């Protein structure tokens, strides 16, 4: 049992989180470089913004974290992750595709762990379970950059080089409670069957059928709170104010939630500000 009496988090923008119980700390999908949409569309080669990464680590984590977890290998989840791992000494945990990018970025094999469906691990007082799902139809009704990353590469690299590599939802338990990180708005029916959670960090961008999405992620888990993530326009820096992702349909999401899971609280949280989960 952890001696900690709290678990706190920081939303980093996009699907990114920092989580700590004061003894063990980790990042999920940390992405703060926020490269412009013009660079992505033009096929420019993207590099992590080291200055922003350093600022983020100093702001939320000091200089230490035990793990960096990556739910899938698109650039807005993976581009910055190897640098977060290097600078905090963390283990990088993700799919085989994610592992190849981390190798290309210079992480040693001892600092890389490949996850599989229903795989589990423990770090400090946290336990993690990885549930295979599918990515939401985020671009013109299609999944962007499908496929797998078969060989290591290092940035700078095109957004299209960061292929999906499979999607995992993460069930993260602590003596004080359980939360789910669901970093893309797709799902496999029944993927969370038998799993109970207090909170779901839920991607809003790129969803299709909101009613079924809520039923699968919130209704089946019995979560009492939804914390929306990945609803921001992550192609511009925070200094230019936080804008909603185009077509995210916040009002429709809230209306659907009131019908499907009426007893579940929706909590929008500000970026880069610590808040208590449990």
Protein backbone atom coordinates (compact mmCIF):
# COMPACT_ATOMS: atom_id res chain seq x y z
CA UNK A 1 0.00 0.00 0.00
CA UNK A 2 1.31 3.41 -0.96
CA UNK A 3 1.94 5.86 1.84
CA UNK A 4 0.75 8.59 -0.51
CA UNK A 5 -2.69 10.06 0.15
CA UNK A 6 -3.21 11.61 -3.29
CA UNK A 7 -2.79 11.10 -7.02
CA UNK A 8 -2.39 14.26 -9.09
CA UNK A 9 -2.24 14.84 -12.84
CA UNK A 10 -1.38 17.51 -15.37
CA UNK A 11 -2.94 17.63 -18.82
CA UNK A 12 -0.17 18.48 -21.29
CA UNK A 13 -2.38 19.16 -24.29
CA UNK A 14 -3.43 16.64 -26.97
CA UNK A 15 -3.53 13.20 -25.24
CA UNK A 16 -0.63 14.01 -22.93
CA UNK A 17 -0.70 13.50 -19.17
CA UNK A 18 1.70 13.64 -16.26
CA UNK A 19 0.62 11.60 -13.23
CA UNK A 20 2.19 11.35 -9.77
CA UNK A 21 1.33 10.10 -6.29
CA UNK A 22 4.32 11.93 -4.84
CA UNK A 23 6.45 8.78 -4.90
CA UNK A 24 6.04 7.48 -8.46
CA UNK A 25 5.60 9.67 -11.53
CA UNK A 26 5.00 8.94 -15.21
CA UNK A 27 3.99 10.53 -18.49
CA UNK A 28 1.42 9.29 -21.00
CA UNK A 29 1.68 10.39 -24.64
CA UNK A 30 3.62 13.57 -23.81
CA UNK A 31 3.54 15.89 -26.83
CA UNK A 32 4.36 19.58 -26.38
CA UNK A 33 6.21 20.48 -29.61
CA UNK A 34 2.86 21.22 -31.28
CA UNK A 35 4.26 21.56 -34.81
CA UNK A 36 2.22 23.56 -37.30
CA UNK A 37 -0.40 21.92 -39.50
CA UNK A 38 1.35 23.39 -42.54
CA UNK A 39 4.48 21.39 -41.75
CA UNK A 40 2.46 18.22 -41.33
CA UNK A 41 0.45 18.66 -44.53
CA UNK A 42 3.53 19.71 -46.54
CA UNK A 43 5.42 16.58 -45.48
CA UNK A 44 8.13 18.57 -43.71
CA UNK A 45 10.48 16.68 -41.42
CA UNK A 46 9.51 17.16 -37.79
CA UNK A 47 11.79 17.39 -34.77
CA UNK A 48 11.01 17.55 -31.07
CA UNK A 49 11.13 21.05 -29.63
CA UNK A 50 13.77 20.49 -26.96
CA UNK A 51 13.20 23.87 -25.32
CA UNK A 52 9.49 23.20 -24.83
CA UNK A 53 10.16 19.68 -23.57
CA UNK A 54 12.66 20.96 -21.00
CA UNK A 55 10.22 23.65 -19.87
CA UNK A 56 7.44 21.11 -19.50
CA UNK A 57 9.56 18.68 -17.48
CA UNK A 58 10.73 21.45 -15.17
CA UNK A 59 7.17 22.72 -14.71
CA UNK A 60 5.39 19.46 -13.91
CA UNK A 61 7.94 16.83 -12.95
CA UNK A 62 11.13 18.37 -11.69
CA UNK A 63 13.67 16.16 -13.45
CA UNK A 64 12.48 12.64 -12.66
CA UNK A 65 9.89 10.16 -13.87
CA UNK A 66 9.74 6.38 -13.78
CA UNK A 67 7.96 5.78 -17.09
CA UNK A 68 6.77 7.28 -20.36
CA UNK A 69 3.81 5.35 -21.79
CA UNK A 70 2.73 5.68 -25.42
CA UNK A 71 -0.69 4.44 -26.54
CA UNK A 72 0.03 4.51 -30.27
CA UNK A 73 2.76 5.72 -32.59
CA UNK A 74 1.36 8.78 -34.38
CA UNK A 75 3.60 11.85 -34.16
CA UNK A 76 1.27 13.70 -31.76
CA UNK A 77 1.78 10.89 -29.25
CA UNK A 78 5.32 9.71 -29.96
CA UNK A 79 7.44 12.53 -31.44
CA UNK A 80 8.48 13.94 -28.05
CA UNK A 81 8.27 10.76 -25.95
CA UNK A 82 11.87 9.53 -26.40
CA UNK A 83 13.18 12.93 -25.30
CA UNK A 84 10.97 12.89 -22.21
CA UNK A 85 12.37 9.44 -21.39
CA UNK A 86 15.98 10.51 -21.93
CA UNK A 87 15.70 13.64 -19.82
CA UNK A 88 13.91 11.99 -16.88
CA UNK A 89 15.62 8.58 -16.94
CA UNK A 90 12.24 6.93 -17.51
CA UNK A 91 11.42 3.58 -19.07
CA UNK A 92 9.66 4.02 -22.44
CA UNK A 93 6.68 1.67 -22.73
CA UNK A 94 4.74 1.12 -25.94
CA UNK A 95 4.10 -1.04 -29.00
CA UNK A 96 6.72 -2.70 -31.20
CA UNK A 97 6.38 0.27 -33.60
CA UNK A 98 6.96 2.74 -30.76
CA UNK A 99 9.98 0.72 -29.67
CA UNK A 100 11.55 1.05 -33.12
CA UNK A 101 11.27 4.84 -33.02
CA UNK A 102 12.80 4.86 -29.53
CA UNK A 103 15.72 2.74 -30.74
CA UNK A 104 16.26 5.19 -33.59
CA UNK A 105 16.19 8.06 -31.10
CA UNK A 106 19.00 6.46 -29.11
CA UNK A 107 17.25 4.81 -26.16
CA UNK A 108 18.94 1.63 -24.94
CA UNK A 109 17.11 -1.70 -24.95
CA UNK A 110 17.13 -1.61 -21.14
CA UNK A 111 14.97 1.53 -21.30
CA UNK A 112 12.38 0.13 -23.75
CA UNK A 113 9.50 -2.20 -22.91
CA UNK A 114 7.15 -3.55 -25.59
CA UNK A 115 3.51 -4.02 -24.58
CA UNK A 116 0.94 -6.49 -25.82
CA UNK A 117 -2.85 -6.78 -25.50
CA UNK A 118 -3.90 -7.45 -21.89
CA UNK A 119 -0.29 -7.11 -20.78
CA UNK A 120 0.30 -5.81 -17.27
CA UNK A 121 3.10 -4.26 -15.27
CA UNK A 122 3.61 -2.57 -11.91
CA UNK A 123 5.55 0.60 -11.16
CA UNK A 124 5.56 1.79 -7.57
CA UNK A 125 1.99 1.68 -6.28
CA UNK A 126 0.56 1.88 -9.82
CA UNK A 127 -0.48 -1.11 -11.90
CA UNK A 128 -1.00 -0.84 -15.65
CA UNK A 129 -3.05 -2.95 -18.04
CA UNK A 130 -2.99 -2.39 -21.79
CA UNK A 131 -6.16 -3.05 -23.80
CA UNK A 132 -5.92 -3.27 -27.58
CA UNK A 133 -8.43 -1.16 -29.46
CA UNK A 134 -8.66 0.75 -32.73
CA UNK A 135 -7.93 4.35 -33.66
CA UNK A 136 -10.82 6.67 -34.39
CA UNK A 137 -11.57 7.90 -37.94
CA UNK A 138 -9.79 11.18 -37.31
CA UNK A 139 -9.16 12.38 -40.88
CA UNK A 140 -11.97 12.55 -43.45
CA UNK A 141 -13.52 9.45 -41.91
CA UNK A 142 -10.29 7.47 -42.14
CA UNK A 143 -7.55 6.42 -39.76
CA UNK A 144 -4.46 8.53 -40.52
CA UNK A 145 -1.09 6.91 -41.21
CA UNK A 146 -2.13 3.25 -40.79
CA UNK A 147 0.38 0.41 -40.64
CA UNK A 148 3.44 -0.41 -38.57
CA UNK A 149 6.95 0.98 -38.13
CA UNK A 150 9.18 -1.92 -39.10
CA UNK A 151 12.62 -0.31 -38.73
CA UNK A 152 14.19 2.23 -36.36
CA UNK A 153 14.41 5.84 -37.47
CA UNK A 154 15.31 9.09 -35.78
CA UNK A 155 13.82 12.56 -36.15
CA UNK A 156 13.66 14.71 -38.11
CA UNK A 157 11.03 12.59 -39.86
CA UNK A 158 7.73 13.19 -41.63
CA UNK A 159 4.42 12.86 -39.84
CA UNK A 160 3.60 10.02 -42.24
CA UNK A 161 6.63 8.09 -40.96
CA UNK A 162 4.91 7.87 -37.56
CA UNK A 163 2.52 5.09 -38.53
CA UNK A 164 -0.19 4.01 -36.13
CA UNK A 165 1.46 0.80 -34.93
CA UNK A 166 -1.68 -0.38 -33.10
CA UNK A 167 -3.71 1.39 -30.43
CA UNK A 168 -3.89 0.64 -26.70
CA UNK A 169 -6.18 1.97 -24.03
CA UNK A 170 -4.52 2.01 -20.60
CA UNK A 171 -6.17 0.96 -17.35
CA UNK A 172 -4.16 2.41 -14.48
CA UNK A 173 -4.89 1.38 -10.91
CA UNK A 174 -3.64 2.76 -7.61
CA UNK A 175 -4.76 1.99 -4.05
CA UNK A 176 -6.73 5.25 -4.18
CA UNK A 177 -8.58 4.57 -7.44
CA UNK A 178 -8.52 3.49 -11.08
CA UNK A 179 -8.51 5.57 -14.24
CA UNK A 180 -8.45 4.81 -17.96
CA UNK A 181 -6.51 6.73 -20.58
CA UNK A 182 -8.29 6.35 -23.93
CA UNK A 183 -6.19 8.40 -26.31
CA UNK A 184 -8.11 7.96 -29.59
CA UNK A 185 -11.84 7.99 -30.28
CA UNK A 186 -12.16 4.47 -31.66
CA UNK A 187 -12.96 1.25 -29.85
CA UNK A 188 -13.43 -2.49 -30.17
CA UNK A 189 -16.85 -3.50 -28.82
CA UNK A 190 -16.45 -4.97 -25.36
CA UNK A 191 -12.79 -4.00 -25.00
CA UNK A 192 -13.42 -2.77 -21.46
CA UNK A 193 -15.80 -5.55 -20.42
CA UNK A 194 -15.15 -6.59 -16.82
CA UNK A 195 -13.10 -3.46 -16.11
CA UNK A 196 -14.28 -0.85 -13.62
CA UNK A 197 -12.86 2.65 -13.39
CA UNK A 198 -13.50 5.84 -11.48
CA UNK A 199 -12.33 8.24 -14.17
CA UNK A 200 -11.81 8.03 -17.94
CA UNK A 201 -9.52 10.46 -19.74
CA UNK A 202 -11.37 10.40 -23.04
CA UNK A 203 -10.27 11.58 -26.48
CA UNK A 204 -12.93 13.74 -28.14
CA UNK A 205 -11.37 14.52 -31.54
CA UNK A 206 -12.12 12.27 -34.48
CA UNK A 207 -15.00 10.35 -32.95
CA UNK A 208 -17.83 8.96 -35.05
CA UNK A 209 -20.79 7.54 -33.08
CA UNK A 210 -20.73 9.43 -29.78
CA UNK A 211 -23.53 7.36 -28.21
CA UNK A 212 -21.79 4.01 -28.81
CA UNK A 213 -18.43 5.51 -27.86
CA UNK A 214 -19.74 6.65 -24.48
CA UNK A 215 -21.50 3.36 -23.86
CA UNK A 216 -18.32 1.36 -24.55
CA UNK A 217 -15.92 3.53 -22.55
CA UNK A 218 -18.03 5.04 -19.78
CA UNK A 219 -21.18 2.94 -19.53
CA UNK A 220 -19.34 -0.38 -19.36
CA UNK A 221 -16.71 0.82 -16.87
CA UNK A 222 -19.09 2.64 -14.54
CA UNK A 223 -16.83 5.70 -14.42
CA UNK A 224 -18.20 8.59 -12.36
CA UNK A 225 -16.10 11.21 -14.18
CA UNK A 226 -15.01 11.98 -17.74
CA UNK A 227 -12.00 14.22 -18.25
CA UNK A 228 -11.90 15.15 -21.96
CA UNK A 229 -8.49 15.11 -23.67
CA UNK A 230 -7.30 15.44 -27.26
CA UNK A 231 -9.94 18.07 -28.03
CA UNK A 232 -7.48 20.94 -28.53
CA UNK A 233 -5.98 22.28 -31.76
CA UNK A 234 -2.53 20.80 -31.11
CA UNK A 235 -0.96 22.46 -34.16
CA UNK A 236 -0.38 25.76 -32.39
CA UNK A 237 1.56 26.59 -29.21
CA UNK A 238 -0.15 27.27 -25.89
CA UNK A 239 1.04 30.89 -26.04
CA UNK A 240 -1.47 31.51 -28.85
CA UNK A 241 -4.30 30.32 -26.58
CA UNK A 242 -5.87 26.90 -26.46
CA UNK A 243 -8.32 26.36 -29.31
CA UNK A 244 -10.68 23.46 -29.91
CA UNK A 245 -9.84 20.93 -32.59
CA UNK A 246 -11.88 21.60 -35.71
CA UNK A 247 -15.13 19.66 -35.71
CA UNK A 248 -14.78 18.37 -32.14
CA UNK A 249 -18.49 19.13 -31.41
CA UNK A 250 -18.31 19.78 -27.67
CA UNK A 251 -22.02 20.58 -27.37
CA UNK A 252 -23.00 17.34 -29.10
CA UNK A 253 -20.68 15.37 -26.82
CA UNK A 254 -22.17 16.89 -23.66
CA UNK A 255 -25.71 16.34 -24.93
CA UNK A 256 -24.98 12.68 -25.73
CA UNK A 257 -23.33 12.15 -22.33
CA UNK A 258 -26.38 13.56 -20.53
CA UNK A 259 -28.50 10.89 -22.24
CA UNK A 260 -26.16 7.87 -22.18
CA UNK A 261 -24.36 8.38 -18.83
CA UNK A 262 -26.45 11.02 -17.02
CA UNK A 263 -24.83 10.42 -13.64
CA UNK A 264 -21.28 10.91 -14.94
CA UNK A 265 -19.57 14.26 -14.35
CA UNK A 266 -17.69 15.90 -17.24
CA UNK A 267 -14.64 17.85 -16.06
CA UNK A 268 -12.69 20.02 -18.49
CA UNK A 269 -9.27 20.81 -17.03
CA UNK A 270 -6.80 23.56 -18.01
CA UNK A 271 -3.51 22.65 -19.60
CA UNK A 272 -0.28 22.57 -17.58
CA UNK A 273 -2.03 22.95 -14.20
CA UNK A 274 -1.88 20.19 -11.57
CA UNK A 275 -5.18 18.82 -10.31
CA UNK A 276 -6.14 16.02 -7.96
CA UNK A 277 -7.50 12.77 -9.42
CA UNK A 278 -7.82 10.81 -6.17
